[in-house]
N, C-alpha and C. Protein backbone atom coordinates (compact mmCIF):
# COMPACT_ATOMS: atom_id res chain seq x y z
N UNK A 1 5.10 148.44 249.52
CA UNK A 1 5.48 147.92 250.83
C UNK A 1 4.50 148.35 251.92
N UNK A 2 4.02 149.59 251.83
CA UNK A 2 3.16 150.11 252.90
C UNK A 2 1.68 149.92 252.61
N UNK A 3 1.32 149.74 251.36
CA UNK A 3 -0.09 149.66 251.01
C UNK A 3 -0.81 150.99 251.07
N UNK A 4 -0.07 152.08 251.17
CA UNK A 4 -0.66 153.41 251.25
C UNK A 4 -1.40 153.71 249.96
N UNK A 5 -2.71 153.92 250.00
CA UNK A 5 -3.46 154.18 248.76
C UNK A 5 -3.04 155.45 248.05
N UNK A 6 -2.43 156.39 248.79
CA UNK A 6 -1.99 157.63 248.15
C UNK A 6 -0.94 157.33 247.08
N UNK A 7 -0.06 156.36 247.36
CA UNK A 7 0.97 155.98 246.40
C UNK A 7 0.52 154.84 245.50
N UNK A 8 -0.15 153.86 246.08
CA UNK A 8 -0.53 152.68 245.30
C UNK A 8 -1.51 153.02 244.18
N UNK A 9 -2.30 154.07 244.36
CA UNK A 9 -3.26 154.45 243.32
C UNK A 9 -2.57 154.97 242.07
N UNK A 10 -1.28 155.31 242.19
CA UNK A 10 -0.52 155.81 241.04
C UNK A 10 0.09 154.67 240.23
N UNK A 11 -0.02 153.45 240.72
CA UNK A 11 0.52 152.28 240.02
C UNK A 11 -0.63 151.53 239.35
N UNK A 12 -0.63 151.51 238.04
CA UNK A 12 -1.71 150.88 237.27
C UNK A 12 -1.17 149.60 236.64
N UNK A 13 -1.64 148.46 237.10
CA UNK A 13 -1.18 147.16 236.59
C UNK A 13 -2.14 146.64 235.51
N UNK A 14 -1.65 145.67 234.78
CA UNK A 14 -2.50 145.04 233.77
C UNK A 14 -3.71 144.40 234.46
N UNK A 15 -4.93 144.72 234.04
CA UNK A 15 -6.12 144.18 234.72
C UNK A 15 -6.29 142.68 234.55
N UNK A 16 -5.60 142.08 233.58
CA UNK A 16 -5.76 140.65 233.33
C UNK A 16 -4.81 139.82 234.18
N UNK A 17 -3.50 140.16 234.09
CA UNK A 17 -2.52 139.32 234.79
C UNK A 17 -1.82 140.04 235.96
N UNK A 18 -2.12 141.30 236.18
CA UNK A 18 -1.54 142.01 237.31
C UNK A 18 -0.10 142.41 237.14
N UNK A 19 0.45 142.22 235.92
CA UNK A 19 1.84 142.56 235.70
C UNK A 19 2.01 144.06 235.47
N UNK A 20 3.23 144.55 235.73
CA UNK A 20 3.53 145.97 235.55
C UNK A 20 4.56 146.18 234.46
N UNK A 21 5.65 145.42 234.49
CA UNK A 21 6.73 145.62 233.52
C UNK A 21 6.42 144.93 232.20
N UNK A 22 6.85 145.58 231.11
CA UNK A 22 6.73 144.98 229.79
C UNK A 22 5.31 144.82 229.29
N UNK A 23 4.44 145.74 229.68
CA UNK A 23 3.04 145.63 229.27
C UNK A 23 2.51 147.02 228.97
N UNK A 24 1.97 147.21 227.78
CA UNK A 24 1.51 148.53 227.38
C UNK A 24 0.26 148.97 228.14
N UNK A 25 -0.43 148.06 228.77
CA UNK A 25 -1.62 148.40 229.54
C UNK A 25 -1.30 148.73 231.00
N UNK A 26 -0.03 148.69 231.35
CA UNK A 26 0.39 148.96 232.72
C UNK A 26 1.35 150.15 232.72
N UNK A 27 1.25 150.97 233.74
CA UNK A 27 2.10 152.16 233.80
C UNK A 27 2.07 152.71 235.22
N UNK A 28 3.00 153.65 235.46
CA UNK A 28 3.06 154.36 236.72
C UNK A 28 2.85 155.85 236.46
N UNK A 29 1.91 156.46 237.15
CA UNK A 29 1.66 157.89 237.01
C UNK A 29 2.74 158.64 237.80
N UNK A 30 3.58 159.37 237.09
CA UNK A 30 4.73 160.02 237.73
C UNK A 30 4.78 161.51 237.43
N UNK A 31 3.62 162.11 237.26
CA UNK A 31 3.58 163.56 237.02
C UNK A 31 3.79 164.32 238.33
N UNK A 32 4.15 165.58 238.21
CA UNK A 32 4.31 166.42 239.40
C UNK A 32 2.95 166.82 239.96
N UNK A 33 2.78 166.64 241.26
CA UNK A 33 1.51 166.99 241.90
C UNK A 33 1.80 167.71 243.21
N UNK A 34 0.87 168.57 243.61
CA UNK A 34 0.96 169.22 244.91
C UNK A 34 0.40 168.28 245.96
N UNK A 35 1.26 167.70 246.76
CA UNK A 35 0.82 166.67 247.69
C UNK A 35 0.67 167.16 249.12
N UNK A 36 1.48 168.12 249.53
CA UNK A 36 1.47 168.55 250.91
C UNK A 36 0.97 169.98 251.07
N UNK A 37 1.33 170.59 252.18
CA UNK A 37 0.91 171.96 252.44
C UNK A 37 1.98 172.66 253.26
N UNK A 38 1.91 173.99 253.26
CA UNK A 38 2.87 174.82 253.99
C UNK A 38 2.14 176.02 254.55
N UNK A 39 2.41 176.33 255.80
CA UNK A 39 1.82 177.51 256.44
C UNK A 39 2.92 178.23 257.21
N UNK A 40 3.04 179.53 257.01
CA UNK A 40 4.12 180.27 257.65
C UNK A 40 3.61 181.59 258.20
N UNK A 41 4.30 182.08 259.22
CA UNK A 41 3.98 183.39 259.80
C UNK A 41 5.26 183.99 260.35
N UNK A 42 5.29 185.30 260.41
CA UNK A 42 6.47 185.98 260.90
C UNK A 42 6.36 187.47 260.67
N UNK A 43 7.49 188.14 260.70
CA UNK A 43 7.52 189.59 260.57
C UNK A 43 8.61 190.00 259.59
N UNK A 44 8.28 190.91 258.69
CA UNK A 44 9.25 191.55 257.82
C UNK A 44 9.40 192.99 258.29
N UNK A 45 10.63 193.41 258.54
CA UNK A 45 10.90 194.74 259.09
C UNK A 45 11.75 195.53 258.10
N UNK A 46 11.35 196.74 257.83
CA UNK A 46 12.07 197.60 256.88
C UNK A 46 12.20 198.99 257.48
N UNK A 47 13.41 199.51 257.50
CA UNK A 47 13.65 200.87 257.98
C UNK A 47 14.74 201.54 257.17
N UNK A 48 14.66 202.87 257.06
CA UNK A 48 15.64 203.65 256.29
C UNK A 48 15.99 204.91 257.06
N UNK A 49 17.29 205.23 257.09
CA UNK A 49 17.74 206.47 257.71
C UNK A 49 18.74 207.13 256.77
N UNK A 50 18.53 208.41 256.48
CA UNK A 50 19.40 209.15 255.57
C UNK A 50 19.89 210.42 256.25
N UNK A 51 21.13 210.79 255.92
CA UNK A 51 21.65 212.05 256.45
C UNK A 51 22.69 212.62 255.50
N UNK A 52 22.84 213.95 255.52
CA UNK A 52 23.79 214.67 254.67
C UNK A 52 24.97 215.15 255.50
N UNK A 53 26.11 215.33 254.81
CA UNK A 53 27.29 215.92 255.43
C UNK A 53 27.67 217.16 254.65
N UNK A 54 28.50 217.99 255.23
CA UNK A 54 28.87 219.24 254.57
C UNK A 54 29.75 219.02 253.34
N UNK A 55 30.71 218.09 253.44
CA UNK A 55 31.69 217.96 252.36
C UNK A 55 31.81 216.56 251.79
N UNK A 56 31.21 215.56 252.44
CA UNK A 56 31.39 214.18 251.98
C UNK A 56 30.15 213.59 251.31
N UNK A 57 29.21 214.42 250.98
CA UNK A 57 28.01 213.91 250.32
C UNK A 57 26.97 213.45 251.34
N UNK A 58 26.22 212.42 251.00
CA UNK A 58 25.16 211.93 251.88
C UNK A 58 25.26 210.42 252.06
N UNK A 59 24.61 209.93 253.10
CA UNK A 59 24.62 208.52 253.43
C UNK A 59 23.19 208.01 253.63
N UNK A 60 23.00 206.73 253.30
CA UNK A 60 21.71 206.09 253.49
C UNK A 60 21.93 204.73 254.16
N UNK A 61 21.18 204.47 255.21
CA UNK A 61 21.26 203.20 255.93
C UNK A 61 19.90 202.52 255.86
N UNK A 62 19.87 201.32 255.31
CA UNK A 62 18.63 200.55 255.20
C UNK A 62 18.73 199.30 256.06
N UNK A 63 17.60 198.91 256.60
CA UNK A 63 17.53 197.70 257.42
C UNK A 63 16.35 196.86 256.95
N UNK A 64 16.65 195.66 256.43
CA UNK A 64 15.61 194.75 255.95
C UNK A 64 15.82 193.41 256.67
N UNK A 65 14.84 193.01 257.46
CA UNK A 65 14.99 191.80 258.27
C UNK A 65 13.73 190.95 258.20
N UNK A 66 13.91 189.66 258.40
CA UNK A 66 12.80 188.71 258.49
C UNK A 66 12.94 187.91 259.78
N UNK A 67 11.88 187.95 260.57
CA UNK A 67 11.79 187.14 261.79
C UNK A 67 10.77 186.04 261.50
N UNK A 68 11.25 184.81 261.45
CA UNK A 68 10.39 183.68 261.12
C UNK A 68 9.81 183.11 262.41
N UNK A 69 8.52 183.29 262.58
CA UNK A 69 7.86 182.82 263.80
C UNK A 69 7.44 181.36 263.67
N UNK A 70 6.93 180.97 262.50
CA UNK A 70 6.48 179.60 262.31
C UNK A 70 6.58 179.22 260.84
N UNK A 71 6.99 177.98 260.58
CA UNK A 71 7.03 177.43 259.22
C UNK A 71 6.59 175.98 259.32
N UNK A 72 5.32 175.75 259.14
CA UNK A 72 4.73 174.42 259.34
C UNK A 72 4.55 173.72 258.00
N UNK A 73 5.15 172.54 257.88
CA UNK A 73 5.08 171.78 256.64
C UNK A 73 4.41 170.43 256.88
N UNK A 74 3.53 170.07 255.96
CA UNK A 74 2.90 168.74 255.95
C UNK A 74 3.31 168.08 254.64
N UNK A 75 4.23 167.11 254.65
CA UNK A 75 4.73 166.52 253.40
C UNK A 75 3.64 165.86 252.56
N UNK A 76 2.77 165.08 253.19
CA UNK A 76 1.72 164.36 252.49
C UNK A 76 0.42 164.46 253.28
N UNK A 77 -0.72 164.43 252.61
CA UNK A 77 -2.00 164.50 253.32
C UNK A 77 -2.11 163.40 254.37
N UNK A 78 -2.53 163.80 255.56
CA UNK A 78 -2.72 162.84 256.64
C UNK A 78 -1.50 162.64 257.51
N UNK A 79 -0.33 163.13 257.08
CA UNK A 79 0.88 162.97 257.89
C UNK A 79 0.98 164.12 258.89
N UNK A 80 1.76 163.94 259.96
CA UNK A 80 1.90 165.01 260.96
C UNK A 80 2.65 166.21 260.39
N UNK A 81 2.37 167.36 260.96
CA UNK A 81 3.03 168.60 260.53
C UNK A 81 4.39 168.72 261.21
N UNK A 82 5.35 169.31 260.49
CA UNK A 82 6.68 169.57 261.03
C UNK A 82 6.85 171.07 261.20
N UNK A 83 7.29 171.51 262.38
CA UNK A 83 7.60 172.91 262.61
C UNK A 83 9.06 173.14 262.24
N UNK A 84 9.30 173.90 261.17
CA UNK A 84 10.63 174.00 260.57
C UNK A 84 11.33 175.32 260.85
N UNK A 85 10.72 176.24 261.59
CA UNK A 85 11.39 177.51 261.89
C UNK A 85 12.62 177.25 262.75
N UNK A 86 13.79 177.63 262.24
CA UNK A 86 15.03 177.42 262.95
C UNK A 86 15.67 176.07 262.72
N UNK A 87 15.15 175.30 261.75
CA UNK A 87 15.65 173.95 261.53
C UNK A 87 16.00 173.72 260.06
N UNK A 88 16.69 172.61 259.81
CA UNK A 88 16.89 172.10 258.46
C UNK A 88 16.77 170.60 258.53
N UNK A 89 16.59 169.98 257.35
CA UNK A 89 16.51 168.53 257.28
C UNK A 89 17.11 168.09 255.97
N UNK A 90 17.85 166.98 255.95
CA UNK A 90 18.50 166.54 254.71
C UNK A 90 17.57 165.83 253.74
N UNK A 91 16.31 165.65 254.07
CA UNK A 91 15.39 164.95 253.18
C UNK A 91 14.18 165.80 252.89
N UNK A 92 13.46 165.44 251.83
CA UNK A 92 12.24 166.15 251.47
C UNK A 92 11.10 165.89 252.46
N UNK A 93 11.19 164.78 253.20
CA UNK A 93 10.08 164.38 254.05
C UNK A 93 9.86 165.34 255.21
N UNK A 94 10.89 166.12 255.54
CA UNK A 94 10.75 167.00 256.69
C UNK A 94 10.92 168.46 256.27
N UNK A 95 11.96 169.12 256.77
CA UNK A 95 12.04 170.57 256.59
C UNK A 95 12.83 171.01 255.35
N UNK A 96 13.74 170.19 254.86
CA UNK A 96 14.48 170.59 253.66
C UNK A 96 15.51 171.66 253.98
N UNK A 97 15.49 172.76 253.22
CA UNK A 97 16.54 173.78 253.32
C UNK A 97 16.54 174.46 254.68
N UNK A 98 17.66 175.06 255.00
CA UNK A 98 17.82 175.78 256.25
C UNK A 98 16.83 176.95 256.33
N UNK A 99 16.13 177.06 257.45
CA UNK A 99 15.15 178.13 257.65
C UNK A 99 15.44 178.84 258.97
N UNK A 100 16.47 179.70 259.02
CA UNK A 100 16.80 180.39 260.27
C UNK A 100 15.65 181.28 260.74
N UNK A 101 15.55 181.43 262.05
CA UNK A 101 14.47 182.25 262.61
C UNK A 101 14.70 183.74 262.39
N UNK A 102 15.95 184.11 262.12
CA UNK A 102 16.23 185.53 261.89
C UNK A 102 17.27 185.68 260.80
N UNK A 103 17.05 186.65 259.93
CA UNK A 103 18.02 187.01 258.91
C UNK A 103 17.83 188.49 258.58
N UNK A 104 18.91 189.11 258.12
CA UNK A 104 18.76 190.52 257.73
C UNK A 104 19.72 190.88 256.60
N UNK A 105 19.42 192.03 256.00
CA UNK A 105 20.27 192.64 254.97
C UNK A 105 20.32 194.13 255.27
N UNK A 106 21.55 194.65 255.49
CA UNK A 106 21.72 196.05 255.86
C UNK A 106 22.67 196.72 254.87
N UNK A 107 22.15 197.44 253.89
CA UNK A 107 23.01 198.19 252.96
C UNK A 107 23.30 199.60 253.52
N UNK A 108 24.56 200.00 253.45
CA UNK A 108 24.97 201.37 253.77
C UNK A 108 25.50 201.98 252.48
N UNK A 109 24.83 203.02 252.00
CA UNK A 109 25.16 203.62 250.70
C UNK A 109 25.75 205.01 250.91
N UNK A 110 26.86 205.25 250.25
CA UNK A 110 27.52 206.55 250.31
C UNK A 110 27.38 207.22 248.94
N UNK A 111 26.65 208.33 248.91
CA UNK A 111 26.48 209.13 247.70
C UNK A 111 27.54 210.23 247.73
N UNK A 112 28.66 209.99 247.08
CA UNK A 112 29.79 210.91 247.16
C UNK A 112 29.51 212.17 246.34
N UNK A 113 30.24 213.25 246.64
CA UNK A 113 30.05 214.48 245.86
C UNK A 113 30.89 214.52 244.58
N UNK A 114 31.54 213.39 244.23
CA UNK A 114 32.50 213.42 243.13
C UNK A 114 31.97 212.67 241.91
N UNK A 115 31.59 213.39 240.91
CA UNK A 115 31.29 212.83 239.58
C UNK A 115 30.33 211.64 239.62
N UNK A 116 29.26 211.75 240.36
CA UNK A 116 28.23 210.71 240.39
C UNK A 116 28.79 209.34 240.75
N UNK A 117 29.66 209.30 241.75
CA UNK A 117 30.21 208.04 242.24
C UNK A 117 29.51 207.66 243.54
N UNK A 118 28.95 206.46 243.56
CA UNK A 118 28.28 205.96 244.76
C UNK A 118 28.92 204.64 245.18
N UNK A 119 29.06 204.44 246.47
CA UNK A 119 29.62 203.20 247.01
C UNK A 119 28.64 202.61 248.01
N UNK A 120 28.62 201.28 248.08
CA UNK A 120 27.67 200.61 248.98
C UNK A 120 28.33 199.40 249.64
N UNK A 121 28.14 199.30 250.95
CA UNK A 121 28.56 198.14 251.71
C UNK A 121 27.31 197.46 252.26
N UNK A 122 27.17 196.15 252.03
CA UNK A 122 25.98 195.41 252.44
C UNK A 122 26.39 194.33 253.44
N UNK A 123 25.67 194.29 254.55
CA UNK A 123 25.88 193.25 255.56
C UNK A 123 24.70 192.28 255.51
N UNK A 124 24.99 191.01 255.16
CA UNK A 124 23.97 189.96 255.12
C UNK A 124 24.22 188.98 256.27
N UNK A 125 23.18 188.69 257.00
CA UNK A 125 23.30 187.80 258.15
C UNK A 125 22.23 186.71 258.10
N UNK A 126 22.65 185.46 258.39
CA UNK A 126 21.74 184.33 258.49
C UNK A 126 21.94 183.68 259.86
N UNK A 127 20.87 183.53 260.62
CA UNK A 127 20.97 182.90 261.92
C UNK A 127 21.21 181.41 261.80
N UNK A 128 21.50 180.77 262.93
CA UNK A 128 21.79 179.34 262.93
C UNK A 128 20.54 178.52 262.69
N UNK A 129 20.74 177.28 262.27
CA UNK A 129 19.63 176.33 262.08
C UNK A 129 20.08 174.97 262.58
N UNK A 130 19.22 174.29 263.32
CA UNK A 130 19.52 172.98 263.86
C UNK A 130 18.87 171.90 263.00
N UNK A 131 19.45 170.73 263.06
CA UNK A 131 18.90 169.63 262.27
C UNK A 131 17.62 169.11 262.91
N UNK A 132 16.63 168.88 262.06
CA UNK A 132 15.36 168.31 262.52
C UNK A 132 15.45 166.80 262.43
N UNK A 133 15.32 166.11 263.55
CA UNK A 133 15.42 164.66 263.57
C UNK A 133 14.17 164.01 263.02
N UNK A 134 14.32 162.84 262.45
CA UNK A 134 13.19 162.12 261.87
C UNK A 134 12.17 161.71 262.93
N UNK A 135 12.60 161.66 264.20
CA UNK A 135 11.68 161.31 265.27
C UNK A 135 11.11 162.54 265.96
N UNK A 136 11.32 163.72 265.35
CA UNK A 136 10.81 164.95 265.93
C UNK A 136 11.74 165.59 266.93
N UNK A 137 12.89 165.02 267.15
CA UNK A 137 13.85 165.58 268.10
C UNK A 137 14.89 166.42 267.37
N UNK A 138 15.65 167.17 268.14
CA UNK A 138 16.72 167.98 267.58
C UNK A 138 18.04 167.23 267.75
N UNK A 139 18.73 166.98 266.67
CA UNK A 139 20.01 166.30 266.74
C UNK A 139 21.12 167.29 267.05
N UNK A 140 22.32 166.75 267.25
CA UNK A 140 23.46 167.59 267.61
C UNK A 140 23.87 168.47 266.44
N UNK A 141 23.72 167.97 265.22
CA UNK A 141 24.19 168.69 264.05
C UNK A 141 23.45 170.02 263.89
N UNK A 142 24.19 171.03 263.46
CA UNK A 142 23.58 172.33 263.22
C UNK A 142 24.41 173.09 262.19
N UNK A 143 23.80 174.09 261.60
CA UNK A 143 24.47 175.02 260.70
C UNK A 143 24.61 176.34 261.45
N UNK A 144 25.84 176.79 261.67
CA UNK A 144 26.09 178.00 262.45
C UNK A 144 25.61 179.25 261.71
N UNK A 145 25.43 180.31 262.48
CA UNK A 145 25.10 181.60 261.88
C UNK A 145 26.28 182.08 261.04
N UNK A 146 26.00 182.92 260.06
CA UNK A 146 27.05 183.36 259.14
C UNK A 146 26.81 184.81 258.74
N UNK A 147 27.91 185.56 258.57
CA UNK A 147 27.86 186.95 258.13
C UNK A 147 28.57 187.09 256.79
N UNK A 148 27.94 187.82 255.87
CA UNK A 148 28.56 188.13 254.59
C UNK A 148 28.57 189.64 254.41
N UNK A 149 29.66 190.14 253.78
CA UNK A 149 29.76 191.56 253.47
C UNK A 149 30.05 191.72 251.99
N UNK A 150 29.27 192.57 251.34
CA UNK A 150 29.42 192.84 249.91
C UNK A 150 29.76 194.31 249.71
N UNK A 151 30.65 194.59 248.77
CA UNK A 151 31.07 195.96 248.48
C UNK A 151 30.94 196.22 246.99
N UNK A 152 30.32 197.33 246.63
CA UNK A 152 30.22 197.68 245.21
C UNK A 152 30.28 199.19 245.03
N UNK A 153 30.75 199.58 243.85
CA UNK A 153 30.88 200.99 243.49
C UNK A 153 30.21 201.20 242.14
N UNK A 154 29.43 202.27 242.05
CA UNK A 154 28.75 202.63 240.79
C UNK A 154 29.17 204.04 240.41
N UNK A 155 29.57 204.21 239.16
CA UNK A 155 30.01 205.52 238.69
C UNK A 155 29.45 205.81 237.32
N UNK A 156 29.07 207.06 237.10
CA UNK A 156 28.67 207.52 235.77
C UNK A 156 29.89 208.19 235.14
N UNK A 157 30.56 207.45 234.24
CA UNK A 157 31.81 207.94 233.66
C UNK A 157 31.53 209.08 232.69
N UNK A 158 30.61 208.86 231.79
CA UNK A 158 30.12 209.91 230.90
C UNK A 158 28.60 209.95 231.06
N UNK A 159 27.96 210.83 230.35
CA UNK A 159 26.50 210.92 230.46
C UNK A 159 25.83 209.64 229.99
N UNK A 160 26.51 208.85 229.17
CA UNK A 160 25.88 207.66 228.59
C UNK A 160 26.57 206.36 229.01
N UNK A 161 27.54 206.43 229.93
CA UNK A 161 28.26 205.23 230.35
C UNK A 161 28.20 205.08 231.87
N UNK A 162 27.63 203.96 232.33
CA UNK A 162 27.62 203.61 233.75
C UNK A 162 28.57 202.44 233.98
N UNK A 163 29.35 202.53 235.03
CA UNK A 163 30.32 201.49 235.36
C UNK A 163 30.03 200.95 236.75
N UNK A 164 30.05 199.60 236.87
CA UNK A 164 29.82 198.94 238.16
C UNK A 164 30.96 197.97 238.44
N UNK A 165 31.44 198.00 239.65
CA UNK A 165 32.49 197.07 240.07
C UNK A 165 32.23 196.69 241.52
N UNK A 166 32.45 195.44 241.87
CA UNK A 166 32.16 195.05 243.23
C UNK A 166 32.72 193.70 243.61
N UNK A 167 32.61 193.40 244.90
CA UNK A 167 33.03 192.12 245.46
C UNK A 167 31.92 191.62 246.38
N UNK A 168 31.37 190.47 246.09
CA UNK A 168 30.43 189.83 246.99
C UNK A 168 31.17 188.86 247.90
N UNK A 169 30.72 188.76 249.13
CA UNK A 169 31.41 187.94 250.14
C UNK A 169 32.86 188.41 250.27
N UNK A 170 32.99 189.65 250.67
CA UNK A 170 34.27 190.35 250.67
C UNK A 170 35.36 189.59 251.43
N UNK A 171 35.03 188.99 252.56
CA UNK A 171 36.03 188.33 253.40
C UNK A 171 36.10 186.82 253.15
N UNK A 172 35.52 186.37 252.04
CA UNK A 172 35.60 184.97 251.62
C UNK A 172 35.10 184.03 252.72
N UNK A 173 33.97 184.39 253.31
CA UNK A 173 33.39 183.57 254.37
C UNK A 173 32.85 182.27 253.78
N UNK A 174 33.24 181.15 254.37
CA UNK A 174 32.79 179.85 253.90
C UNK A 174 31.39 179.55 254.43
N UNK A 175 30.58 178.81 253.68
CA UNK A 175 29.23 178.52 254.14
C UNK A 175 29.26 177.55 255.32
N UNK A 176 28.28 177.62 256.22
CA UNK A 176 28.21 176.62 257.29
C UNK A 176 27.93 175.25 256.69
N UNK A 177 28.55 174.23 257.22
CA UNK A 177 28.41 172.88 256.66
C UNK A 177 28.01 171.89 257.75
N UNK A 178 27.41 170.81 257.30
CA UNK A 178 27.06 169.70 258.18
C UNK A 178 27.11 168.43 257.35
N UNK A 179 27.72 167.40 257.89
CA UNK A 179 27.77 166.12 257.16
C UNK A 179 26.39 165.51 257.00
N UNK A 180 25.42 165.99 257.78
CA UNK A 180 24.06 165.46 257.68
C UNK A 180 23.33 165.97 256.43
N UNK A 181 23.84 167.08 255.85
CA UNK A 181 23.18 167.63 254.66
C UNK A 181 23.36 166.71 253.47
N UNK A 182 24.49 166.02 253.38
CA UNK A 182 24.72 165.10 252.26
C UNK A 182 25.54 165.74 251.18
N UNK A 183 25.90 164.93 250.19
CA UNK A 183 26.72 165.39 249.09
C UNK A 183 25.90 165.66 247.85
N UNK A 184 26.56 165.66 246.71
CA UNK A 184 25.88 165.94 245.44
C UNK A 184 24.76 164.92 245.22
N UNK A 185 23.66 165.42 244.70
CA UNK A 185 22.53 164.54 244.44
C UNK A 185 21.50 164.54 245.53
N UNK A 186 21.75 165.32 246.62
CA UNK A 186 20.77 165.41 247.68
C UNK A 186 19.54 166.16 247.22
N UNK A 187 18.46 166.03 247.98
CA UNK A 187 17.21 166.66 247.60
C UNK A 187 17.32 168.17 247.54
N UNK A 188 17.97 168.77 248.54
CA UNK A 188 18.07 170.22 248.60
C UNK A 188 19.51 170.70 248.69
N UNK A 189 20.37 169.94 249.38
CA UNK A 189 21.72 170.39 249.61
C UNK A 189 22.74 169.66 248.77
N UNK A 190 23.90 170.27 248.67
CA UNK A 190 25.02 169.64 247.99
C UNK A 190 26.30 170.19 248.60
N UNK A 191 27.34 169.36 248.66
CA UNK A 191 28.58 169.80 249.28
C UNK A 191 28.43 170.06 250.77
N UNK A 192 27.48 169.36 251.42
CA UNK A 192 27.25 169.48 252.87
C UNK A 192 26.73 170.85 253.29
N UNK A 193 26.09 171.58 252.37
CA UNK A 193 25.48 172.85 252.71
C UNK A 193 24.30 173.08 251.78
N UNK A 194 23.67 174.26 251.88
CA UNK A 194 22.54 174.60 251.03
C UNK A 194 22.90 175.81 250.18
N UNK A 195 23.38 175.58 248.93
CA UNK A 195 23.79 176.72 248.08
C UNK A 195 22.65 177.70 247.78
N UNK A 196 21.41 177.24 247.89
CA UNK A 196 20.30 178.15 247.66
C UNK A 196 20.11 179.16 248.76
N UNK A 197 20.74 178.94 249.91
CA UNK A 197 20.64 179.85 251.05
C UNK A 197 21.96 180.57 251.29
N UNK A 198 23.06 179.82 251.28
CA UNK A 198 24.36 180.38 251.64
C UNK A 198 25.25 180.55 250.40
N UNK A 199 26.30 181.38 250.55
CA UNK A 199 27.28 181.59 249.48
C UNK A 199 28.25 180.41 249.45
N UNK A 200 28.08 179.53 248.47
CA UNK A 200 28.95 178.36 248.39
C UNK A 200 30.19 178.60 247.53
N UNK A 201 30.22 179.68 246.77
CA UNK A 201 31.34 179.94 245.86
C UNK A 201 32.45 180.75 246.51
N UNK A 202 32.22 181.31 247.67
CA UNK A 202 33.24 182.15 248.30
C UNK A 202 33.24 183.55 247.71
N UNK A 203 34.40 184.22 247.80
CA UNK A 203 34.51 185.59 247.31
C UNK A 203 34.24 185.64 245.80
N UNK A 204 33.46 186.63 245.39
CA UNK A 204 33.06 186.74 243.98
C UNK A 204 33.21 188.20 243.54
N UNK A 205 34.03 188.44 242.52
CA UNK A 205 34.27 189.77 242.01
C UNK A 205 33.59 189.96 240.65
N UNK A 206 33.10 191.16 240.39
CA UNK A 206 32.41 191.40 239.12
C UNK A 206 32.65 192.83 238.64
N UNK A 207 32.56 192.99 237.33
CA UNK A 207 32.64 194.30 236.67
C UNK A 207 31.59 194.34 235.59
N UNK A 208 30.87 195.43 235.50
CA UNK A 208 29.84 195.57 234.48
C UNK A 208 29.70 196.99 234.02
N UNK A 209 29.16 197.18 232.84
CA UNK A 209 28.95 198.52 232.32
C UNK A 209 27.66 198.59 231.53
N UNK A 210 27.03 199.75 231.51
CA UNK A 210 25.84 199.97 230.70
C UNK A 210 26.09 201.20 229.83
N UNK A 211 25.95 201.04 228.54
CA UNK A 211 26.17 202.14 227.59
C UNK A 211 24.85 202.45 226.92
N UNK A 212 24.41 203.68 227.03
CA UNK A 212 23.13 204.12 226.47
C UNK A 212 23.40 204.99 225.24
N UNK A 213 22.75 204.63 224.12
CA UNK A 213 22.93 205.44 222.91
C UNK A 213 21.66 205.36 222.08
C-alpha cells in the first residue's frame, strides 16, 4: 500500500508473471531482523545502611532506584524518534511497555538473634506512565503509580536444611490498568496492563526448602 522499499524488498514475486501465491518461485522474507534503534540515559542509585541492636540482632536497609532521563526509540530506519520516558503505548510502533521515569526497590532485612532466622520486607514502587499518542501528543489515559510490598522469612532449621516462606504483593495490590493497553493478543500488554512490568497475579504465597547432603 505504501510502496516503502524497506517492506516491499521483502516480498519476492515470480519474475515471469508477478504472482505471489501458489508459486514456488515467490515468497515473503519473514525472518526476525533488527530494524530500529534505542538510546537511553538515566541514573541508577544504590545505597546501604546497616546497624546493630543490643538484643534484637541487626538490620540492613538497601535502596535501589532507577531515574529514567531519556528513552528514545526509532521503530524503523528513517522514521522519527519517540521519547518514551514516562510513557507507554499499546502498539509496537511507538513506546510499547510502560517506562516510568522513577522506580525503586527498598529491602529492609532483619537478622534476628534466634537460630539463624532472617526476615525481609521489600517495598517496590513504580511511577506513573502516560499514554503516548500516535500524533506525538499525550492522551488522557494513564497508568497510575503503584506500590508493592513483599515479605519473606529465611531460617536454617538444621545445619543442612534451609526453609523459605514468603508472600509477594502482601496487600494484594491490583496492577494499574488502561483500556488503551488492549486485551489478550496485544503486542506487549494483556488484560489492559503490562504483566512484564506490574504484578498481574495479585498476592502470591510461596514455601521452599533446600536440603544439603
